[in-house]
Amino acid sequence: MFPVALAAETAEAAAESANFLQHVDWTRPTWDLFIVLFFIVAAFLYGLSLGRDRIIIILVSIYMSLAIVEHAPIVNNEGFQNMINNIAGQFFVFQISAFLVLFVVFFFIITRSALVKTIASSDLPGPWWQVLLYSILHVGLIVSIVLSYIPKESVEGVLAPLTQRVFTTDFAQNVWIIGPLLAMFIFKGGASQKKTRKVIEEE
């Protein structure tokens, strides 16, 4: 069922992509264009420069931040939300800010702790195609999470149908959340085996 739904979503997204590219006005940038450019630059340039294992650490930091922002009792407390609304005007602004801050904090904590040796399989950069896949998944996950906090009516009024289909629909958000986990599960074993083989060869 899931592969069929994924194929249908992919086909519709491809059709909407063609329509989106035909109507792009480079003289008047929109939020959609900004998101697309950010996605491409971050995934292909920034992501590829990090390497596979560092991106995995980033993914773990993203999941930890998401868990706190979504499920911490204080965040879901109505009184706390009302207080934030009185200070910031919109609670979703606090959610986005808290997620990004926690993400950065967790990333630096993990990279400077013993956990980095457990999460990262090695110091090797990894196959280029794995790095590219992880790059796309971690940038897409960040964009999807940030957009998920913005009120639905605001998203529908600003973003094109293509952008909404790729990042904000329930199906898309499930793909972005589950995709990196599947990738880490599938490729972790292969990376560990390659590391073991390299150590044996060096000995």
C-alpha atoms as a PDB file:
ATOM      1  CA  MET A   1       0.000   0.000   0.000  1.00  0.00           C
ATOM      2  CA  PHE A   2       2.752   2.421   0.955  1.00  0.00           C
ATOM      3  CA  PRO A   3       4.769   1.903  -2.295  1.00  0.00           C
ATOM      4  CA  VAL A   4       1.604   2.521  -4.338  1.00  0.00           C
ATOM      5  CA  ALA A   5       0.856   5.710  -2.418  1.00  0.00           C
ATOM      6  CA  LEU A   6       4.474   6.812  -2.770  1.00  0.00           C
ATOM      7  CA  ALA A   7       4.389   6.223  -6.532  1.00  0.00           C
ATOM      8  CA  ALA A   8       1.150   8.185  -6.851  1.00  0.00           C
ATOM      9  CA  GLU A   9       2.529  11.070  -4.791  1.00  0.00           C
ATOM     10  CA  THR A  10       5.743  11.066  -6.842  1.00  0.00           C
ATOM     11  CA  ALA A  11       3.842  11.213 -10.121  1.00  0.00           C
ATOM     12  CA  GLU A  12       1.669  14.092  -8.946  1.00  0.00           C
ATOM     13  CA  ALA A  13       4.701  15.910  -7.551  1.00  0.00           C
ATOM     14  CA  ALA A  14       6.498  15.524 -10.892  1.00  0.00           C
ATOM     15  CA  ALA A  15       3.538  17.029 -12.747  1.00  0.00           C
ATOM     16  CA  GLU A  16       3.340  19.912 -10.294  1.00  0.00           C
ATOM     17  CA  SER A  17       7.123  20.421 -10.576  1.00  0.00           C
ATOM     18  CA  ALA A  18       6.826  20.965 -14.322  1.00  0.00           C
ATOM     19  CA  ASN A  19       4.025  23.445 -13.764  1.00  0.00           C
ATOM     20  CA  PHE A  20       5.992  25.197 -11.010  1.00  0.00           C
ATOM     21  CA  LEU A  21       9.097  25.619 -13.197  1.00  0.00           C
ATOM     22  CA  GLN A  22       7.027  27.048 -16.030  1.00  0.00           C
ATOM     23  CA  HIS A  23       5.654  29.800 -13.812  1.00  0.00           C
ATOM     24  CA  VAL A  24       8.796  30.738 -11.861  1.00  0.00           C
ATOM     25  CA  ASP A  25       9.422  34.489 -11.913  1.00  0.00           C
ATOM     26  CA  TRP A  26      13.083  35.013 -11.028  1.00  0.00           C
ATOM     27  CA  THR A  27      12.566  38.780 -10.803  1.00  0.00           C
ATOM     28  CA  ARG A  28      10.040  38.339  -7.987  1.00  0.00           C
ATOM     29  CA  PRO A  29      11.312  35.638  -5.600  1.00  0.00           C
ATOM     30  CA  THR A  30       8.675  33.827  -3.544  1.00  0.00           C
ATOM     31  CA  TRP A  31       8.857  31.691  -0.414  1.00  0.00           C
ATOM     32  CA  ASP A  32       8.576  28.624  -2.619  1.00  0.00           C
ATOM     33  CA  LEU A  33      11.646  29.662  -4.599  1.00  0.00           C
ATOM     34  CA  PHE A  34      13.551  30.408  -1.399  1.00  0.00           C
ATOM     35  CA  ILE A  35      12.697  26.980   0.038  1.00  0.00           C
ATOM     36  CA  VAL A  36      13.700  25.215  -3.182  1.00  0.00           C
ATOM     37  CA  LEU A  37      17.023  27.073  -3.386  1.00  0.00           C
ATOM     38  CA  PHE A  38      17.729  26.448   0.300  1.00  0.00           C
ATOM     39  CA  PHE A  39      16.958  22.755  -0.157  1.00  0.00           C
ATOM     40  CA  ILE A  40      19.274  22.421  -3.160  1.00  0.00           C
ATOM     41  CA  VAL A  41      22.173  24.443  -1.723  1.00  0.00           C
ATOM     42  CA  ALA A  42      21.991  22.882   1.740  1.00  0.00           C
ATOM     43  CA  ALA A  43      21.620  19.315   0.479  1.00  0.00           C
ATOM     44  CA  PHE A  44      24.171  19.327  -2.330  1.00  0.00           C
ATOM     45  CA  LEU A  45      26.815  21.776  -1.106  1.00  0.00           C
ATOM     46  CA  TYR A  46      26.608  21.988   2.680  1.00  0.00           C
ATOM     47  CA  GLY A  47      25.525  18.378   3.121  1.00  0.00           C
ATOM     48  CA  LEU A  48      28.192  16.884   0.868  1.00  0.00           C
ATOM     49  CA  SER A  49      30.895  18.865   2.664  1.00  0.00           C
ATOM     50  CA  LEU A  50      29.941  17.344   6.029  1.00  0.00           C
ATOM     51  CA  GLY A  51      30.304  13.654   5.260  1.00  0.00           C
ATOM     52  CA  ARG A  52      28.016  10.748   6.119  1.00  0.00           C
ATOM     53  CA  ASP A  53      28.780  10.319   9.818  1.00  0.00           C
ATOM     54  CA  ARG A  54      28.452  13.991  10.696  1.00  0.00           C
ATOM     55  CA  ILE A  55      25.096  14.105   8.908  1.00  0.00           C
ATOM     56  CA  ILE A  56      23.978  11.090  10.962  1.00  0.00           C
ATOM     57  CA  ILE A  57      24.844  13.049  14.103  1.00  0.00           C
ATOM     58  CA  ILE A  58      22.790  15.941  12.743  1.00  0.00           C
ATOM     59  CA  LEU A  59      19.841  13.594  12.159  1.00  0.00           C
ATOM     60  CA  VAL A  60      20.040  12.263  15.718  1.00  0.00           C
ATOM     61  CA  SER A  61      20.123  15.860  17.005  1.00  0.00           C
ATOM     62  CA  ILE A  62      17.055  16.691  14.911  1.00  0.00           C
ATOM     63  CA  TYR A  63      15.075  13.755  16.317  1.00  0.00           C
ATOM     64  CA  MET A  64      16.051  14.609  19.894  1.00  0.00           C
ATOM     65  CA  SER A  65      15.020  18.248  19.424  1.00  0.00           C
ATOM     66  CA  LEU A  66      11.741  17.241  17.784  1.00  0.00           C
ATOM     67  CA  ALA A  67      10.923  14.869  20.656  1.00  0.00           C
ATOM     68  CA  ILE A  68      11.376  17.618  23.252  1.00  0.00           C
ATOM     69  CA  VAL A  69       9.482  20.325  21.362  1.00  0.00           C
ATOM     70  CA  GLU A  70       6.611  17.960  20.559  1.00  0.00           C
ATOM     71  CA  HIS A  71       6.285  15.991  23.793  1.00  0.00           C
ATOM     72  CA  ALA A  72       7.854  17.898  26.705  1.00  0.00           C
ATOM     73  CA  PRO A  73       5.067  18.486  29.277  1.00  0.00           C
ATOM     74  CA  ILE A  74       5.972  22.153  29.747  1.00  0.00           C
ATOM     75  CA  VAL A  75       5.644  22.841  26.017  1.00  0.00           C
ATOM     76  CA  ASN A  76       2.183  21.270  25.921  1.00  0.00           C
ATOM     77  CA  ASN A  77       1.041  23.136  29.036  1.00  0.00           C
ATOM     78  CA  GLU A  78      -1.774  25.556  28.172  1.00  0.00           C
ATOM     79  CA  GLY A  79      -0.598  28.151  30.675  1.00  0.00           C
ATOM     80  CA  PHE A  80       2.906  28.104  29.226  1.00  0.00           C
ATOM     81  CA  GLN A  81       1.540  28.450  25.694  1.00  0.00           C
ATOM     82  CA  ASN A  82      -0.586  31.430  26.701  1.00  0.00           C
ATOM     83  CA  MET A  83       2.455  33.065  28.300  1.00  0.00           C
ATOM     84  CA  ILE A  84       4.488  32.577  25.112  1.00  0.00           C
ATOM     85  CA  ASN A  85       1.627  33.954  23.014  1.00  0.00           C
ATOM     86  CA  ASN A  86       1.581  37.083  25.168  1.00  0.00           C
ATOM     87  CA  ILE A  87       5.346  37.523  24.784  1.00  0.00           C
ATOM     88  CA  ALA A  88       5.999  36.477  21.190  1.00  0.00           C
ATOM     89  CA  GLY A  89       2.538  36.881  19.735  1.00  0.00           C
ATOM     90  CA  GLN A  90       2.571  33.446  18.061  1.00  0.00           C
ATOM     91  CA  PHE A  91       3.362  30.147  19.770  1.00  0.00           C
ATOM     92  CA  PHE A  92       4.666  28.597  16.540  1.00  0.00           C
ATOM     93  CA  VAL A  93       7.490  31.158  16.527  1.00  0.00           C
ATOM     94  CA  PHE A  94       8.607  29.790  19.887  1.00  0.00           C
ATOM     95  CA  GLN A  95       8.312  26.201  18.610  1.00  0.00           C
ATOM     96  CA  ILE A  96      10.498  26.889  15.579  1.00  0.00           C
ATOM     97  CA  SER A  97      13.051  28.841  17.625  1.00  0.00           C
ATOM     98  CA  ALA A  98      13.163  26.178  20.366  1.00  0.00           C
ATOM     99  CA  PHE A  99      13.591  23.398  17.821  1.00  0.00           C
ATOM    100  CA  LEU A 100      16.472  25.150  16.027  1.00  0.00           C
ATOM    101  CA  VAL A 101      18.227  26.115  19.275  1.00  0.00           C
ATOM    102  CA  LEU A 102      17.902  22.619  20.739  1.00  0.00           C
ATOM    103  CA  PHE A 103      19.097  21.135  17.458  1.00  0.00           C
ATOM    104  CA  VAL A 104      22.304  23.195  17.558  1.00  0.00           C
ATOM    105  CA  VAL A 105      22.836  22.477  21.276  1.00  0.00           C
ATOM    106  CA  PHE A 106      22.382  18.718  20.884  1.00  0.00           C
ATOM    107  CA  PHE A 107      24.665  18.650  17.848  1.00  0.00           C
ATOM    108  CA  PHE A 108      27.530  20.296  19.736  1.00  0.00           C
ATOM    109  CA  ILE A 109      26.939  18.135  22.823  1.00  0.00           C
ATOM    110  CA  ILE A 110      27.014  14.906  20.815  1.00  0.00           C
ATOM    111  CA  THR A 111      30.087  15.867  18.771  1.00  0.00           C
ATOM    112  CA  ARG A 112      31.981  16.577  21.987  1.00  0.00           C
ATOM    113  CA  SER A 113      30.913  13.481  23.894  1.00  0.00           C
ATOM    114  CA  ALA A 114      31.625   9.766  23.797  1.00  0.00           C
ATOM    115  CA  LEU A 115      28.275   9.276  22.039  1.00  0.00           C
ATOM    116  CA  VAL A 116      29.835  10.359  18.766  1.00  0.00           C
ATOM    117  CA  LYS A 117      31.817   7.085  18.591  1.00  0.00           C
ATOM    118  CA  THR A 118      28.617   5.100  19.056  1.00  0.00           C
ATOM    119  CA  ILE A 119      26.493   7.048  16.572  1.00  0.00           C
ATOM    120  CA  ALA A 120      29.142   7.518  13.882  1.00  0.00           C
ATOM    121  CA  SER A 121      30.489   4.291  12.464  1.00  0.00           C
ATOM    122  CA  SER A 122      33.887   5.691  11.500  1.00  0.00           C
ATOM    123  CA  ASP A 123      35.839   8.757  10.516  1.00  0.00           C
ATOM    124  CA  LEU A 124      35.499   7.868   6.836  1.00  0.00           C
ATOM    125  CA  PRO A 125      33.406  10.212   4.644  1.00  0.00           C
ATOM    126  CA  GLY A 126      31.381   7.296   3.257  1.00  0.00           C
ATOM    127  CA  PRO A 127      30.226   6.537  -0.300  1.00  0.00           C
ATOM    128  CA  TRP A 128      29.209   9.671  -2.168  1.00  0.00           C
ATOM    129  CA  TRP A 129      25.731   8.342  -2.903  1.00  0.00           C
ATOM    130  CA  GLN A 130      25.084   7.660   0.779  1.00  0.00           C
ATOM    131  CA  VAL A 131      26.279  11.151   1.661  1.00  0.00           C
ATOM    132  CA  LEU A 132      23.998  12.615  -1.006  1.00  0.00           C
ATOM    133  CA  LEU A 133      21.020  10.598   0.223  1.00  0.00           C
ATOM    134  CA  TYR A 134      21.594  11.563   3.854  1.00  0.00           C
ATOM    135  CA  SER A 135      22.057  15.199   2.798  1.00  0.00           C
ATOM    136  CA  ILE A 136      18.702  15.273   1.025  1.00  0.00           C
ATOM    137  CA  LEU A 137      16.961  13.490   3.898  1.00  0.00           C
ATOM    138  CA  HIS A 138      18.297  15.700   6.687  1.00  0.00           C
ATOM    139  CA  VAL A 139      17.593  18.985   4.867  1.00  0.00           C
ATOM    140  CA  GLY A 140      14.125  17.813   3.848  1.00  0.00           C
ATOM    141  CA  LEU A 141      13.410  16.753   7.418  1.00  0.00           C
ATOM    142  CA  ILE A 142      14.402  20.171   8.800  1.00  0.00           C
ATOM    143  CA  VAL A 143      12.277  22.021   6.228  1.00  0.00           C
ATOM    144  CA  SER A 144       9.298  19.733   6.863  1.00  0.00           C
ATOM    145  CA  ILE A 145       9.505  20.142  10.645  1.00  0.00           C
ATOM    146  CA  VAL A 146       9.797  23.929  10.491  1.00  0.00           C
ATOM    147  CA  LEU A 147       6.855  24.220   8.089  1.00  0.00           C
ATOM    148  CA  SER A 148       4.778  21.854  10.236  1.00  0.00           C
ATOM    149  CA  TYR A 149       4.800  24.399  13.080  1.00  0.00           C
ATOM    150  CA  ILE A 150       3.427  27.206  10.919  1.00  0.00           C
ATOM    151  CA  PRO A 151      -0.398  27.425  10.980  1.00  0.00           C
ATOM    152  CA  LYS A 152      -1.955  25.498   8.102  1.00  0.00           C
ATOM    153  CA  GLU A 153      -3.916  28.494   6.821  1.00  0.00           C
ATOM    154  CA  SER A 154      -0.724  30.544   6.578  1.00  0.00           C
ATOM    155  CA  VAL A 155       1.068  27.785   4.677  1.00  0.00           C
ATOM    156  CA  GLU A 156      -1.803  27.333   2.231  1.00  0.00           C
ATOM    157  CA  GLY A 157      -1.970  31.072   1.617  1.00  0.00           C
ATOM    158  CA  VAL A 158       1.733  31.486   0.866  1.00  0.00           C
ATOM    159  CA  LEU A 159       3.184  28.260  -0.532  1.00  0.00           C
ATOM    160  CA  ALA A 160       2.470  26.674  -3.894  1.00  0.00           C
ATOM    161  CA  PRO A 161       0.711  23.279  -4.071  1.00  0.00           C
ATOM    162  CA  LEU A 162       3.988  21.598  -5.051  1.00  0.00           C
ATOM    163  CA  THR A 163       5.817  22.854  -1.956  1.00  0.00           C
ATOM    164  CA  GLN A 164       2.926  21.816   0.254  1.00  0.00           C
ATOM    165  CA  ARG A 165       2.820  18.348  -1.307  1.00  0.00           C
ATOM    166  CA  VAL A 166       6.545  17.804  -0.859  1.00  0.00           C
ATOM    167  CA  PHE A 167       6.918  19.153   2.696  1.00  0.00           C
ATOM    168  CA  THR A 168       3.653  19.817   4.555  1.00  0.00           C
ATOM    169  CA  THR A 169       1.117  17.072   3.791  1.00  0.00           C
ATOM    170  CA  ASP A 170       0.713  14.252   6.310  1.00  0.00           C
ATOM    171  CA  PHE A 171       2.134  11.766   3.806  1.00  0.00           C
ATOM    172  CA  ALA A 172       5.174  13.953   3.066  1.00  0.00           C
ATOM    173  CA  GLN A 173       5.915  14.529   6.746  1.00  0.00           C
ATOM    174  CA  ASN A 174       5.716  10.786   7.410  1.00  0.00           C
ATOM    175  CA  VAL A 175       8.186  10.163   4.576  1.00  0.00           C
ATOM    176  CA  TRP A 176      10.644  12.798   5.828  1.00  0.00           C
ATOM    177  CA  ILE A 177      10.482  11.478   9.413  1.00  0.00           C
ATOM    178  CA  ILE A 178      10.684   7.771   8.572  1.00  0.00           C
ATOM    179  CA  GLY A 179      13.075   8.054   5.608  1.00  0.00           C
ATOM    180  CA  PRO A 180      16.238   8.972   7.562  1.00  0.00           C
ATOM    181  CA  LEU A 181      15.539   6.232  10.124  1.00  0.00           C
ATOM    182  CA  LEU A 182      15.238   3.637   7.364  1.00  0.00           C
ATOM    183  CA  ALA A 183      18.445   4.906   5.754  1.00  0.00           C
ATOM    184  CA  MET A 184      20.370   4.696   9.027  1.00  0.00           C
ATOM    185  CA  PHE A 185      18.999   1.197   9.658  1.00  0.00           C
ATOM    186  CA  ILE A 186      19.839  -0.061   6.163  1.00  0.00           C
ATOM    187  CA  PHE A 187      23.288   1.507   5.721  1.00  0.00           C
ATOM    188  CA  LYS A 188      24.653   1.338   9.276  1.00  0.00           C
ATOM    189  CA  GLY A 189      25.496  -2.345   8.994  1.00  0.00           C
ATOM    190  CA  GLY A 190      27.224  -1.890   5.679  1.00  0.00           C
ATOM    191  CA  ALA A 191      29.345   0.958   7.003  1.00  0.00           C
ATOM    192  CA  SER A 192      30.390  -1.075  10.058  1.00  0.00           C
ATOM    193  CA  GLN A 193      31.350  -4.041   7.923  1.00  0.00           C
ATOM    194  CA  LYS A 194      33.475  -1.855   5.641  1.00  0.00           C
ATOM    195  CA  LYS A 195      35.214  -0.375   8.661  1.00  0.00           C
ATOM    196  CA  THR A 196      35.938  -3.869  10.011  1.00  0.00           C
ATOM    197  CA  ARG A 197      37.319  -5.010   6.665  1.00  0.00           C
ATOM    198  CA  LYS A 198      39.566  -1.946   6.459  1.00  0.00           C
ATOM    199  CA  VAL A 199      40.978  -2.597   9.974  1.00  0.00           C
ATOM    200  CA  ILE A 200      41.678  -6.232   9.063  1.00  0.00           C
ATOM    201  CA  GLU A 201      43.394  -5.201   5.825  1.00  0.00           C
ATOM    202  CA  GLU A 202      45.579  -2.669   7.671  1.00  0.00           C
ATOM    203  CA  GLU A 203      46.649  -5.322  10.174  1.00  0.00           C
END
